[in-house]
Amino acid sequence: MKAIADDLRKTVKEALPLLVELDEEVSARPLAPGKWCPREVLGHLIDSASNNHQRFVRACFREDLVFDGYDQDAWVRFQRYREASWRELVELWRSFNLHLSWIIEGISPETALRARSRHNLDQIAWRTVSSEEPVTLEYFLRDYIDHVRHHLASLSRAVR
């Protein structure tokens, strides 16, 4: 799992210059009418890290990959990310993802590659998988990183 952990670390390292460059004022402007601002996008990625932290750890102690979902928009609104400090959000996102990379690195290949026939990645994954198709924790880990990259790309396009 070292390669996946390193991929997450690399994603964080590559994103930091863009995130640090963004100032407080720009980070509070919506990316488009009716869309989240950069603070809310990063807040959503913090929420994703928080929810997936538990999922990744729990997956190591059970046979299925069935996890609770969450209402992303409600979480972003409730936590008032639009009003939060951009610098503090960047640091929280960075730290949380580095911690996740540490966890991922410690997952055994047997655990990560074991096919799980019972899952709800048809509902909670970024790139969903049919509930009829077995899936691995490795897939879910990579899906998490792809989700992070997707949102970082939207931030990158918005600030350039």
Foldseek 3Di string as FASTA:
>chain_A
DLVLLVLLLVVLVVLVVLLVPDALVQQLDALDVPHHGVLLLLVLLLVLLVQVVVQLVVLLVDQASADDADDSVVSSVVVVSSPDHSVVSSVSSSVSSNVVSVSVVPRDPCSQVDWRLAHVQCPHFPPRDDSRGTDGNVVRSVSSSVVVVVSSVSSVVSVD
